[in-house]
Amino acid sequence: MNQTQGQVFESELWNSIRRFGIEGVTEAQLVQLVKHYELLSKWNKRFNLTRITKPGDAATLSYAESLYGTKFIAQAKTMLDIGTGAGFPAIPIAVAFPELAVSALEANQKKSLFLTETIFDLPLVNLKVITSRAENVDLSEYDLLTCRALDHAEAILPSILNRLNKDQRLMLYCVQAMVDKLVGQCSGSFKVETNPIPESETRIIAIFSRK
């Protein structure tokens, strides 16, 4: 019997989670992540939500990479994912951490609509969608800011870092060159912790906080 795309994705995601050393993901949470992938694949036929669609690629590059960020949530109670797109890392993190209040910030109306539909279909009571640009949102109410694939990141991230207060952290999925550029552009001094992402030669998770 041929497997459905969702079944292939589920198998690939379990394998990726194990390889990445991600702990604590339950069967019920995996079902939610598979449902998100199936919804994303369906919507992607009409709207350009993501270029990563093959089950194996999506499992590793989108979902497992997003979930790897859960290792660095620490004591955060609230999280804002800036430029979340199709929901990465917001949705995998919200699924894995139901006690974390996650806000997904997305200015694109079609992507925002997809995210809103996803909340009801999964369902995800700890996730809300904000349809706006980062400059129009009060960042101070969030313990943790995240950013993975923000459009025009080099132009927008310096202003986000400059708005970071001493009680907040920014978790950035990026490459080392981006970290070096941001540190040079921003006012004040920052502590930066970098963590290599498994199975990637260049990508890291960088945690910014004010000294």
N, C-alpha and C. Protein backbone atom coordinates (compact mmCIF):
# COMPACT_ATOMS: atom_id res chain seq x y z
N MET A 1 0.85 -1.20 0.00
CA MET A 1 0.00 0.00 0.00
C MET A 1 0.88 1.24 0.00
N ASN A 2 0.59 2.15 -0.91
CA ASN A 2 1.37 3.38 -0.98
C ASN A 2 1.02 4.29 0.20
N GLN A 3 2.05 4.93 0.75
CA GLN A 3 1.83 5.87 1.85
C GLN A 3 1.36 7.21 1.31
N THR A 4 0.52 7.89 2.08
CA THR A 4 0.13 9.25 1.72
C THR A 4 1.28 10.19 2.03
N GLN A 5 1.21 11.39 1.48
CA GLN A 5 2.25 12.38 1.74
C GLN A 5 2.35 12.68 3.24
N GLY A 6 1.19 12.72 3.91
CA GLY A 6 1.18 12.98 5.35
C GLY A 6 1.85 11.87 6.13
N GLN A 7 1.65 10.63 5.72
CA GLN A 7 2.28 9.49 6.40
C GLN A 7 3.79 9.50 6.20
N VAL A 8 4.22 9.85 4.99
CA VAL A 8 5.66 9.95 4.73
C VAL A 8 6.27 11.05 5.58
N PHE A 9 5.57 12.19 5.64
CA PHE A 9 6.04 13.30 6.45
C PHE A 9 6.14 12.90 7.92
N GLU A 10 5.14 12.21 8.44
CA GLU A 10 5.15 11.80 9.85
C GLU A 10 6.38 10.94 10.16
N SER A 11 6.67 9.98 9.29
CA SER A 11 7.84 9.13 9.48
C SER A 11 9.13 9.94 9.42
N GLU A 12 9.22 10.84 8.44
CA GLU A 12 10.41 11.66 8.28
C GLU A 12 10.59 12.60 9.48
N LEU A 13 9.48 13.12 10.01
CA LEU A 13 9.58 14.03 11.14
C LEU A 13 10.04 13.31 12.40
N TRP A 14 9.52 12.12 12.65
CA TRP A 14 10.00 11.35 13.80
C TRP A 14 11.50 11.13 13.69
N ASN A 15 11.95 10.74 12.50
CA ASN A 15 13.38 10.51 12.30
C ASN A 15 14.20 11.78 12.54
N SER A 16 13.71 12.90 12.03
CA SER A 16 14.42 14.17 12.20
C SER A 16 14.48 14.58 13.66
N ILE A 17 13.38 14.40 14.38
CA ILE A 17 13.34 14.74 15.80
C ILE A 17 14.37 13.93 16.57
N ARG A 18 14.48 12.65 16.26
CA ARG A 18 15.47 11.80 16.94
C ARG A 18 16.89 12.24 16.60
N ARG A 19 17.14 12.50 15.33
CA ARG A 19 18.49 12.90 14.91
C ARG A 19 18.91 14.22 15.54
N PHE A 20 17.96 15.14 15.70
CA PHE A 20 18.25 16.45 16.28
C PHE A 20 18.36 16.40 17.80
N GLY A 21 18.00 15.27 18.40
CA GLY A 21 18.07 15.16 19.86
C GLY A 21 17.00 15.95 20.57
N ILE A 22 15.85 16.10 19.92
CA ILE A 22 14.73 16.85 20.51
C ILE A 22 13.90 15.90 21.36
N GLU A 23 13.69 16.28 22.61
CA GLU A 23 12.99 15.40 23.54
C GLU A 23 11.62 15.96 23.90
N GLY A 24 10.71 15.05 24.30
CA GLY A 24 9.44 15.47 24.88
C GLY A 24 8.28 15.63 23.92
N VAL A 25 8.49 15.42 22.61
CA VAL A 25 7.39 15.55 21.65
C VAL A 25 6.50 14.32 21.77
N THR A 26 5.22 14.52 22.02
CA THR A 26 4.28 13.43 22.22
C THR A 26 3.62 13.01 20.91
N GLU A 27 2.93 11.88 20.96
CA GLU A 27 2.18 11.40 19.79
C GLU A 27 1.12 12.42 19.38
N ALA A 28 0.42 12.98 20.38
CA ALA A 28 -0.63 13.96 20.09
C ALA A 28 -0.05 15.21 19.44
N GLN A 29 1.11 15.63 19.89
CA GLN A 29 1.75 16.81 19.29
C GLN A 29 2.21 16.51 17.87
N LEU A 30 2.69 15.30 17.65
CA LEU A 30 3.09 14.92 16.30
C LEU A 30 1.89 14.96 15.35
N VAL A 31 0.74 14.53 15.82
CA VAL A 31 -0.48 14.57 15.01
C VAL A 31 -0.79 16.02 14.61
N GLN A 32 -0.62 16.95 15.54
CA GLN A 32 -0.86 18.37 15.23
C GLN A 32 0.11 18.87 14.17
N LEU A 33 1.37 18.49 14.28
CA LEU A 33 2.38 18.94 13.32
C LEU A 33 2.12 18.35 11.94
N VAL A 34 1.69 17.08 11.89
CA VAL A 34 1.34 16.47 10.60
C VAL A 34 0.15 17.20 9.98
N LYS A 35 -0.82 17.55 10.80
CA LYS A 35 -2.00 18.27 10.30
C LYS A 35 -1.59 19.63 9.74
N HIS A 36 -0.67 20.31 10.43
CA HIS A 36 -0.19 21.60 9.92
C HIS A 36 0.49 21.42 8.57
N TYR A 37 1.31 20.39 8.45
CA TYR A 37 1.99 20.13 7.18
C TYR A 37 0.97 19.85 6.06
N GLU A 38 -0.07 19.07 6.37
CA GLU A 38 -1.08 18.76 5.36
C GLU A 38 -1.85 20.01 4.95
N LEU A 39 -2.17 20.86 5.91
CA LEU A 39 -2.84 22.13 5.60
C LEU A 39 -1.94 23.03 4.76
N LEU A 40 -0.68 23.08 5.14
CA LEU A 40 0.29 23.91 4.42
C LEU A 40 0.43 23.43 2.97
N SER A 41 0.50 22.12 2.78
CA SER A 41 0.63 21.57 1.43
C SER A 41 -0.60 21.90 0.59
N LYS A 42 -1.77 21.85 1.21
CA LYS A 42 -3.02 22.16 0.51
C LYS A 42 -3.08 23.64 0.12
N TRP A 43 -2.81 24.50 1.08
CA TRP A 43 -2.87 25.94 0.82
C TRP A 43 -1.77 26.38 -0.15
N ASN A 44 -0.65 25.70 -0.12
CA ASN A 44 0.50 26.11 -0.94
C ASN A 44 0.21 25.95 -2.43
N LYS A 45 -0.80 25.16 -2.77
CA LYS A 45 -1.18 24.99 -4.17
C LYS A 45 -1.84 26.26 -4.71
N ARG A 46 -2.43 27.05 -3.80
CA ARG A 46 -3.10 28.30 -4.21
C ARG A 46 -2.26 29.53 -3.91
N PHE A 47 -1.55 29.49 -2.78
CA PHE A 47 -0.76 30.64 -2.35
C PHE A 47 0.69 30.19 -2.16
N ASN A 48 1.60 31.09 -2.41
CA ASN A 48 3.02 30.79 -2.26
C ASN A 48 3.42 31.01 -0.79
N LEU A 49 3.17 29.99 0.04
CA LEU A 49 3.47 30.10 1.46
C LEU A 49 4.88 29.64 1.79
N THR A 50 5.38 28.64 1.07
CA THR A 50 6.72 28.11 1.33
C THR A 50 7.25 27.43 0.08
N ARG A 51 8.57 27.44 -0.07
CA ARG A 51 9.18 26.72 -1.19
C ARG A 51 9.61 25.32 -0.77
N ILE A 52 9.57 25.04 0.53
CA ILE A 52 9.99 23.73 1.04
C ILE A 52 8.75 22.88 1.24
N THR A 53 8.51 21.95 0.31
CA THR A 53 7.26 21.19 0.32
C THR A 53 7.46 19.67 0.41
N LYS A 54 8.58 19.15 -0.04
CA LYS A 54 8.79 17.70 0.02
C LYS A 54 8.81 17.23 1.47
N PRO A 55 8.20 16.08 1.76
CA PRO A 55 8.08 15.63 3.15
C PRO A 55 9.39 15.59 3.92
N GLY A 56 10.43 15.03 3.33
CA GLY A 56 11.72 14.92 4.02
C GLY A 56 12.36 16.27 4.26
N ASP A 57 12.33 17.13 3.26
CA ASP A 57 12.91 18.46 3.40
C ASP A 57 12.15 19.28 4.43
N ALA A 58 10.82 19.23 4.37
CA ALA A 58 10.01 19.99 5.32
C ALA A 58 10.24 19.50 6.75
N ALA A 59 10.29 18.19 6.92
CA ALA A 59 10.48 17.61 8.25
C ALA A 59 11.76 18.11 8.90
N THR A 60 12.84 18.15 8.11
CA THR A 60 14.15 18.53 8.65
C THR A 60 14.33 20.04 8.69
N LEU A 61 14.12 20.70 7.55
CA LEU A 61 14.48 22.11 7.41
C LEU A 61 13.48 23.06 8.04
N SER A 62 12.22 22.70 8.07
CA SER A 62 11.20 23.59 8.63
C SER A 62 10.81 23.18 10.05
N TYR A 63 10.40 21.93 10.23
CA TYR A 63 9.83 21.51 11.51
C TYR A 63 10.88 21.16 12.55
N ALA A 64 11.82 20.29 12.23
CA ALA A 64 12.83 19.91 13.23
C ALA A 64 13.71 21.11 13.59
N GLU A 65 14.05 21.93 12.60
CA GLU A 65 14.85 23.12 12.88
C GLU A 65 14.09 24.07 13.81
N SER A 66 12.80 24.24 13.56
CA SER A 66 11.99 25.08 14.44
C SER A 66 11.94 24.49 15.85
N LEU A 67 11.70 23.19 15.94
CA LEU A 67 11.61 22.53 17.24
C LEU A 67 12.92 22.58 18.00
N TYR A 68 14.03 22.63 17.29
CA TYR A 68 15.33 22.70 17.97
C TYR A 68 15.43 23.95 18.84
N GLY A 69 14.70 24.99 18.45
CA GLY A 69 14.67 26.22 19.24
C GLY A 69 14.04 26.04 20.61
N THR A 70 13.27 24.96 20.82
CA THR A 70 12.66 24.74 22.13
C THR A 70 13.72 24.50 23.21
N LYS A 71 14.91 24.14 22.82
CA LYS A 71 16.00 23.94 23.79
C LYS A 71 16.39 25.24 24.47
N PHE A 72 15.98 26.38 23.88
CA PHE A 72 16.44 27.68 24.37
C PHE A 72 15.28 28.58 24.85
N ILE A 73 14.12 27.98 25.09
CA ILE A 73 12.97 28.73 25.59
C ILE A 73 13.24 29.24 27.00
N ALA A 74 13.93 28.42 27.81
CA ALA A 74 14.26 28.76 29.20
C ALA A 74 12.98 29.07 29.98
N GLN A 75 12.95 30.22 30.68
CA GLN A 75 11.81 30.55 31.55
C GLN A 75 10.77 31.45 30.88
N ALA A 76 10.86 31.61 29.57
CA ALA A 76 9.94 32.50 28.86
C ALA A 76 8.49 32.03 29.02
N LYS A 77 7.61 32.99 29.21
CA LYS A 77 6.18 32.71 29.31
C LYS A 77 5.42 33.23 28.08
N THR A 78 6.00 34.23 27.41
CA THR A 78 5.39 34.81 26.22
C THR A 78 6.41 34.91 25.11
N MET A 79 5.97 34.67 23.88
CA MET A 79 6.87 34.67 22.74
C MET A 79 6.21 35.34 21.55
N LEU A 80 6.97 36.15 20.83
CA LEU A 80 6.50 36.77 19.59
C LEU A 80 7.41 36.31 18.45
N ASP A 81 6.82 35.66 17.46
CA ASP A 81 7.57 35.23 16.28
C ASP A 81 7.38 36.27 15.18
N ILE A 82 8.44 36.98 14.84
CA ILE A 82 8.38 38.11 13.93
C ILE A 82 8.57 37.65 12.49
N GLY A 83 7.60 37.95 11.64
CA GLY A 83 7.66 37.51 10.25
C GLY A 83 7.55 36.01 10.13
N THR A 84 6.54 35.44 10.77
CA THR A 84 6.42 33.99 10.92
C THR A 84 6.15 33.25 9.62
N GLY A 85 5.63 33.95 8.60
CA GLY A 85 5.38 33.29 7.32
C GLY A 85 4.30 32.22 7.44
N ALA A 86 4.65 30.99 7.12
CA ALA A 86 3.71 29.87 7.21
C ALA A 86 3.63 29.29 8.63
N GLY A 87 4.36 29.94 9.57
CA GLY A 87 4.26 29.52 10.96
C GLY A 87 5.51 28.92 11.56
N PHE A 88 6.68 29.32 11.04
CA PHE A 88 7.94 28.76 11.55
C PHE A 88 8.81 29.86 12.16
N PRO A 89 9.24 29.69 13.39
CA PRO A 89 9.07 28.53 14.26
C PRO A 89 7.83 28.56 15.14
N ALA A 90 6.91 29.52 14.97
CA ALA A 90 5.81 29.73 15.91
C ALA A 90 4.97 28.49 16.15
N ILE A 91 4.52 27.83 15.08
CA ILE A 91 3.60 26.72 15.25
C ILE A 91 4.26 25.49 15.88
N PRO A 92 5.43 25.02 15.39
CA PRO A 92 6.06 23.90 16.09
C PRO A 92 6.35 24.18 17.56
N ILE A 93 6.78 25.40 17.88
CA ILE A 93 7.07 25.73 19.27
C ILE A 93 5.78 25.79 20.09
N ALA A 94 4.72 26.37 19.52
CA ALA A 94 3.44 26.42 20.23
C ALA A 94 2.88 25.03 20.48
N VAL A 95 3.08 24.13 19.53
CA VAL A 95 2.63 22.74 19.71
C VAL A 95 3.43 22.06 20.81
N ALA A 96 4.74 22.23 20.78
CA ALA A 96 5.61 21.55 21.74
C ALA A 96 5.53 22.14 23.14
N PHE A 97 5.18 23.43 23.25
CA PHE A 97 5.11 24.13 24.54
C PHE A 97 3.71 24.72 24.74
N PRO A 98 2.71 23.90 25.07
CA PRO A 98 1.34 24.42 25.21
C PRO A 98 1.18 25.43 26.33
N GLU A 99 2.14 25.48 27.26
CA GLU A 99 2.06 26.45 28.36
C GLU A 99 2.65 27.81 27.97
N LEU A 100 3.27 27.90 26.80
CA LEU A 100 3.87 29.14 26.33
C LEU A 100 2.85 29.90 25.47
N ALA A 101 2.62 31.17 25.79
CA ALA A 101 1.71 32.01 25.01
C ALA A 101 2.47 32.55 23.80
N VAL A 102 2.13 32.06 22.61
CA VAL A 102 2.87 32.39 21.38
C VAL A 102 2.02 33.30 20.50
N SER A 103 2.64 34.39 20.04
CA SER A 103 2.01 35.28 19.07
C SER A 103 2.79 35.20 17.77
N ALA A 104 2.07 35.01 16.67
CA ALA A 104 2.69 34.91 15.35
C ALA A 104 2.43 36.20 14.59
N LEU A 105 3.48 36.96 14.33
CA LEU A 105 3.37 38.26 13.67
C LEU A 105 3.63 38.11 12.18
N GLU A 106 2.66 38.47 11.37
CA GLU A 106 2.79 38.33 9.92
C GLU A 106 2.00 39.44 9.23
N ALA A 107 2.68 40.23 8.40
CA ALA A 107 2.03 41.35 7.72
C ALA A 107 1.28 40.93 6.47
N ASN A 108 1.69 39.81 5.85
CA ASN A 108 1.05 39.34 4.62
C ASN A 108 -0.34 38.79 4.93
N GLN A 109 -1.36 39.32 4.27
CA GLN A 109 -2.74 38.97 4.57
C GLN A 109 -3.04 37.49 4.30
N LYS A 110 -2.55 36.96 3.19
CA LYS A 110 -2.82 35.56 2.85
C LYS A 110 -2.17 34.61 3.84
N LYS A 111 -0.93 34.90 4.22
CA LYS A 111 -0.26 34.05 5.19
C LYS A 111 -0.93 34.15 6.55
N SER A 112 -1.37 35.36 6.90
CA SER A 112 -2.07 35.56 8.16
C SER A 112 -3.38 34.79 8.20
N LEU A 113 -4.09 34.76 7.08
CA LEU A 113 -5.33 34.00 7.00
C LEU A 113 -5.07 32.51 7.16
N PHE A 114 -4.03 32.01 6.52
CA PHE A 114 -3.66 30.60 6.67
C PHE A 114 -3.37 30.27 8.14
N LEU A 115 -2.64 31.13 8.82
CA LEU A 115 -2.31 30.90 10.22
C LEU A 115 -3.56 30.88 11.09
N THR A 116 -4.47 31.79 10.81
CA THR A 116 -5.72 31.85 11.58
C THR A 116 -6.53 30.57 11.40
N GLU A 117 -6.62 30.08 10.17
CA GLU A 117 -7.31 28.82 9.90
C GLU A 117 -6.63 27.66 10.62
N THR A 118 -5.31 27.69 10.66
CA THR A 118 -4.55 26.63 11.30
C THR A 118 -4.85 26.54 12.80
N ILE A 119 -4.98 27.70 13.44
CA ILE A 119 -5.28 27.73 14.87
C ILE A 119 -6.55 26.93 15.18
N PHE A 120 -7.57 27.10 14.35
CA PHE A 120 -8.84 26.41 14.58
C PHE A 120 -8.78 24.94 14.20
N ASP A 121 -8.02 24.62 13.16
CA ASP A 121 -7.99 23.24 12.67
C ASP A 121 -7.14 22.31 13.52
N LEU A 122 -6.10 22.83 14.19
CA LEU A 122 -5.21 21.91 14.92
C LEU A 122 -5.81 21.30 16.18
N PRO A 123 -6.43 21.97 17.12
CA PRO A 123 -6.45 23.41 17.38
C PRO A 123 -5.27 23.80 18.28
N LEU A 124 -5.03 25.13 18.35
CA LEU A 124 -3.94 25.65 19.18
C LEU A 124 -4.45 26.82 20.01
N VAL A 125 -4.75 26.57 21.25
CA VAL A 125 -5.33 27.62 22.10
C VAL A 125 -4.28 28.61 22.61
N ASN A 126 -3.00 28.23 22.54
CA ASN A 126 -1.94 29.11 23.04
C ASN A 126 -1.29 29.95 21.95
N LEU A 127 -1.88 29.95 20.75
CA LEU A 127 -1.31 30.71 19.63
C LEU A 127 -2.32 31.74 19.14
N LYS A 128 -1.84 32.97 18.92
CA LYS A 128 -2.68 33.98 18.28
C LYS A 128 -1.91 34.63 17.14
N VAL A 129 -2.63 35.15 16.18
CA VAL A 129 -2.04 35.76 14.99
C VAL A 129 -2.20 37.27 15.08
N ILE A 130 -1.11 37.98 14.79
CA ILE A 130 -1.15 39.44 14.71
C ILE A 130 -0.79 39.83 13.28
N THR A 131 -1.72 40.47 12.59
CA THR A 131 -1.48 40.89 11.21
C THR A 131 -0.98 42.32 11.22
N SER A 132 0.32 42.47 11.21
CA SER A 132 0.92 43.81 11.31
C SER A 132 2.41 43.71 10.99
N ARG A 133 3.04 44.87 10.92
CA ARG A 133 4.48 44.94 10.78
C ARG A 133 5.13 45.12 12.15
N ALA A 134 6.38 44.71 12.27
CA ALA A 134 7.06 44.75 13.55
C ALA A 134 7.14 46.15 14.14
N GLU A 135 7.30 47.15 13.28
CA GLU A 135 7.45 48.52 13.78
C GLU A 135 6.17 49.06 14.42
N ASN A 136 5.05 48.39 14.16
CA ASN A 136 3.77 48.84 14.71
C ASN A 136 3.33 48.05 15.94
N VAL A 137 4.20 47.18 16.43
CA VAL A 137 3.84 46.31 17.55
C VAL A 137 4.71 46.66 18.76
N ASP A 138 4.09 46.65 19.93
CA ASP A 138 4.82 46.85 21.19
C ASP A 138 5.55 45.56 21.53
N LEU A 139 6.85 45.54 21.38
CA LEU A 139 7.64 44.34 21.62
C LEU A 139 7.90 44.09 23.10
N SER A 140 7.71 45.09 23.91
CA SER A 140 8.15 45.03 25.31
C SER A 140 7.37 44.02 26.15
N GLU A 141 6.20 43.60 25.68
CA GLU A 141 5.38 42.71 26.50
C GLU A 141 5.75 41.23 26.32
N TYR A 142 6.75 40.95 25.51
CA TYR A 142 7.13 39.56 25.24
C TYR A 142 8.49 39.23 25.87
N ASP A 143 8.56 38.06 26.50
CA ASP A 143 9.83 37.61 27.10
C ASP A 143 10.84 37.23 26.03
N LEU A 144 10.33 36.57 24.98
CA LEU A 144 11.19 36.03 23.94
C LEU A 144 10.69 36.47 22.57
N LEU A 145 11.59 37.01 21.76
CA LEU A 145 11.31 37.32 20.37
C LEU A 145 12.03 36.28 19.51
N THR A 146 11.36 35.82 18.45
CA THR A 146 12.00 34.87 17.56
C THR A 146 11.89 35.37 16.12
N CYS A 147 12.81 34.92 15.31
CA CYS A 147 12.81 35.30 13.89
C CYS A 147 13.59 34.24 13.12
N ARG A 148 12.97 33.71 12.07
CA ARG A 148 13.63 32.63 11.33
C ARG A 148 13.82 32.95 9.84
N ALA A 149 12.82 33.51 9.21
CA ALA A 149 12.93 33.78 7.77
C ALA A 149 12.23 35.08 7.41
N LEU A 150 12.61 36.12 8.11
CA LEU A 150 11.98 37.43 7.94
C LEU A 150 12.41 38.07 6.63
N ASP A 151 11.42 38.54 5.85
CA ASP A 151 11.74 39.28 4.63
C ASP A 151 12.45 40.58 5.00
N HIS A 152 13.49 40.93 4.23
CA HIS A 152 14.26 42.16 4.46
C HIS A 152 14.85 42.19 5.89
N ALA A 153 15.32 41.03 6.33
CA ALA A 153 15.81 40.89 7.72
C ALA A 153 16.93 41.87 8.04
N GLU A 154 17.85 42.07 7.11
CA GLU A 154 18.99 42.94 7.39
C GLU A 154 18.56 44.37 7.66
N ALA A 155 17.47 44.80 7.06
CA ALA A 155 16.98 46.16 7.26
C ALA A 155 16.14 46.29 8.53
N ILE A 156 15.44 45.22 8.90
CA ILE A 156 14.49 45.29 10.01
C ILE A 156 15.09 44.88 11.35
N LEU A 157 15.97 43.89 11.36
CA LEU A 157 16.47 43.34 12.63
C LEU A 157 17.24 44.35 13.49
N PRO A 158 18.04 45.27 12.92
CA PRO A 158 18.73 46.23 13.79
C PRO A 158 17.76 47.04 14.65
N SER A 159 16.64 47.47 14.09
CA SER A 159 15.68 48.25 14.87
C SER A 159 15.02 47.39 15.94
N ILE A 160 14.83 46.11 15.66
CA ILE A 160 14.26 45.21 16.66
C ILE A 160 15.24 45.02 17.82
N LEU A 161 16.50 44.83 17.50
CA LEU A 161 17.50 44.67 18.55
C LEU A 161 17.65 45.94 19.37
N ASN A 162 17.57 47.07 18.73
CA ASN A 162 17.68 48.34 19.47
C ASN A 162 16.51 48.55 20.42
N ARG A 163 15.38 47.89 20.15
CA ARG A 163 14.21 47.99 21.03
C ARG A 163 14.21 46.92 22.13
N LEU A 164 15.17 46.02 22.08
CA LEU A 164 15.23 44.94 23.06
C LEU A 164 15.58 45.50 24.44
N ASN A 165 14.81 45.11 25.46
CA ASN A 165 15.14 45.57 26.82
C ASN A 165 15.90 44.48 27.58
N LYS A 166 16.35 44.80 28.77
CA LYS A 166 17.26 43.91 29.50
C LYS A 166 16.58 42.63 29.97
N ASP A 167 15.26 42.58 29.94
CA ASP A 167 14.54 41.39 30.39
C ASP A 167 14.10 40.50 29.23
N GLN A 168 14.47 40.88 28.01
CA GLN A 168 14.06 40.14 26.83
C GLN A 168 15.24 39.45 26.16
N ARG A 169 14.91 38.45 25.32
CA ARG A 169 15.91 37.81 24.47
C ARG A 169 15.36 37.71 23.05
N LEU A 170 16.27 37.75 22.09
CA LEU A 170 15.92 37.51 20.70
C LEU A 170 16.57 36.21 20.25
N MET A 171 15.76 35.26 19.79
CA MET A 171 16.27 34.00 19.28
C MET A 171 16.20 34.05 17.75
N LEU A 172 17.36 34.10 17.13
CA LEU A 172 17.45 34.31 15.69
C LEU A 172 18.04 33.08 15.00
N TYR A 173 17.30 32.55 14.04
CA TYR A 173 17.78 31.45 13.19
C TYR A 173 18.50 32.10 12.02
N CYS A 174 19.80 31.90 11.89
CA CYS A 174 20.54 32.68 10.89
C CYS A 174 21.89 32.03 10.62
N VAL A 175 22.80 32.80 10.03
CA VAL A 175 24.20 32.39 9.85
C VAL A 175 25.07 33.35 10.63
N GLN A 176 26.33 32.96 10.87
CA GLN A 176 27.22 33.77 11.69
C GLN A 176 27.44 35.16 11.12
N ALA A 177 27.47 35.26 9.79
CA ALA A 177 27.69 36.57 9.17
C ALA A 177 26.59 37.56 9.55
N MET A 178 25.36 37.09 9.69
CA MET A 178 24.26 37.95 10.10
C MET A 178 24.47 38.45 11.53
N VAL A 179 24.94 37.57 12.41
CA VAL A 179 25.21 37.95 13.80
C VAL A 179 26.27 39.05 13.84
N ASP A 180 27.35 38.85 13.12
CA ASP A 180 28.44 39.83 13.12
C ASP A 180 27.96 41.18 12.60
N LYS A 181 27.14 41.17 11.57
CA LYS A 181 26.63 42.41 11.00
C LYS A 181 25.72 43.14 11.98
N LEU A 182 24.85 42.39 12.64
CA LEU A 182 23.90 43.00 13.58
C LEU A 182 24.61 43.62 14.78
N VAL A 183 25.59 42.92 15.31
CA VAL A 183 26.33 43.44 16.45
C VAL A 183 27.02 44.76 16.10
N GLY A 184 27.51 44.84 14.87
CA GLY A 184 28.18 46.06 14.44
C GLY A 184 27.24 47.22 14.19
N GLN A 185 25.98 46.92 13.90
CA GLN A 185 25.02 47.96 13.54
C GLN A 185 24.22 48.49 14.72
N CYS A 186 24.14 47.74 15.80
CA CYS A 186 23.22 48.07 16.88
C CYS A 186 23.87 48.90 17.98
N SER A 187 23.04 49.70 18.62
CA SER A 187 23.53 50.52 19.73
C SER A 187 23.54 49.69 21.01
N GLY A 188 24.46 50.02 21.91
CA GLY A 188 24.58 49.27 23.16
C GLY A 188 25.36 47.99 22.96
N SER A 189 25.55 47.25 24.04
CA SER A 189 26.31 46.00 23.95
C SER A 189 25.40 44.82 24.24
N PHE A 190 25.66 43.74 23.51
CA PHE A 190 24.83 42.55 23.62
C PHE A 190 25.68 41.33 23.96
N LYS A 191 25.06 40.44 24.69
CA LYS A 191 25.61 39.10 24.87
C LYS A 191 24.98 38.23 23.80
N VAL A 192 25.80 37.47 23.08
CA VAL A 192 25.29 36.62 22.00
C VAL A 192 25.76 35.19 22.23
N GLU A 193 24.82 34.29 22.35
CA GLU A 193 25.11 32.86 22.49
C GLU A 193 24.76 32.19 21.17
N THR A 194 25.68 31.47 20.57
CA THR A 194 25.41 30.82 19.28
C THR A 194 25.41 29.31 19.44
N ASN A 195 24.47 28.69 18.76
CA ASN A 195 24.29 27.24 18.84
C ASN A 195 24.11 26.68 17.44
N PRO A 196 25.01 25.80 16.99
CA PRO A 196 24.86 25.24 15.64
C PRO A 196 23.60 24.39 15.51
N ILE A 197 22.93 24.52 14.39
CA ILE A 197 21.75 23.70 14.10
C ILE A 197 22.21 22.37 13.52
N PRO A 198 21.74 21.26 14.06
CA PRO A 198 22.17 19.95 13.55
C PRO A 198 21.92 19.80 12.05
N GLU A 199 22.84 19.11 11.40
CA GLU A 199 22.75 18.77 9.99
C GLU A 199 22.83 19.98 9.06
N SER A 200 23.30 21.11 9.59
CA SER A 200 23.52 22.29 8.76
C SER A 200 24.98 22.71 8.89
N GLU A 201 25.59 23.06 7.79
CA GLU A 201 26.99 23.49 7.81
C GLU A 201 27.13 24.95 8.23
N THR A 202 26.08 25.73 8.05
CA THR A 202 26.21 27.18 8.28
C THR A 202 25.19 27.76 9.23
N ARG A 203 24.01 27.17 9.34
CA ARG A 203 22.94 27.80 10.11
C ARG A 203 23.11 27.58 11.61
N ILE A 204 22.76 28.62 12.36
CA ILE A 204 22.87 28.60 13.81
C ILE A 204 21.61 29.20 14.42
N ILE A 205 21.46 28.99 15.72
CA ILE A 205 20.48 29.74 16.50
C ILE A 205 21.28 30.67 17.41
N ALA A 206 21.07 31.97 17.23
CA ALA A 206 21.78 32.95 18.02
C ALA A 206 20.81 33.59 19.01
N ILE A 207 21.21 33.64 20.29
CA ILE A 207 20.40 34.23 21.34
C ILE A 207 21.01 35.56 21.74
N PHE A 208 20.28 36.63 21.49
CA PHE A 208 20.74 37.98 21.84
C PHE A 208 20.10 38.44 23.13
N SER A 209 20.89 39.01 24.01
CA SER A 209 20.36 39.67 25.20
C SER A 209 21.26 40.84 25.54
N ARG A 210 20.71 41.84 26.21
CA ARG A 210 21.52 43.01 26.58
C ARG A 210 22.40 42.68 27.78
N LYS A 211 23.62 43.21 27.73
CA LYS A 211 24.54 43.00 28.85
C LYS A 211 24.14 43.87 30.03
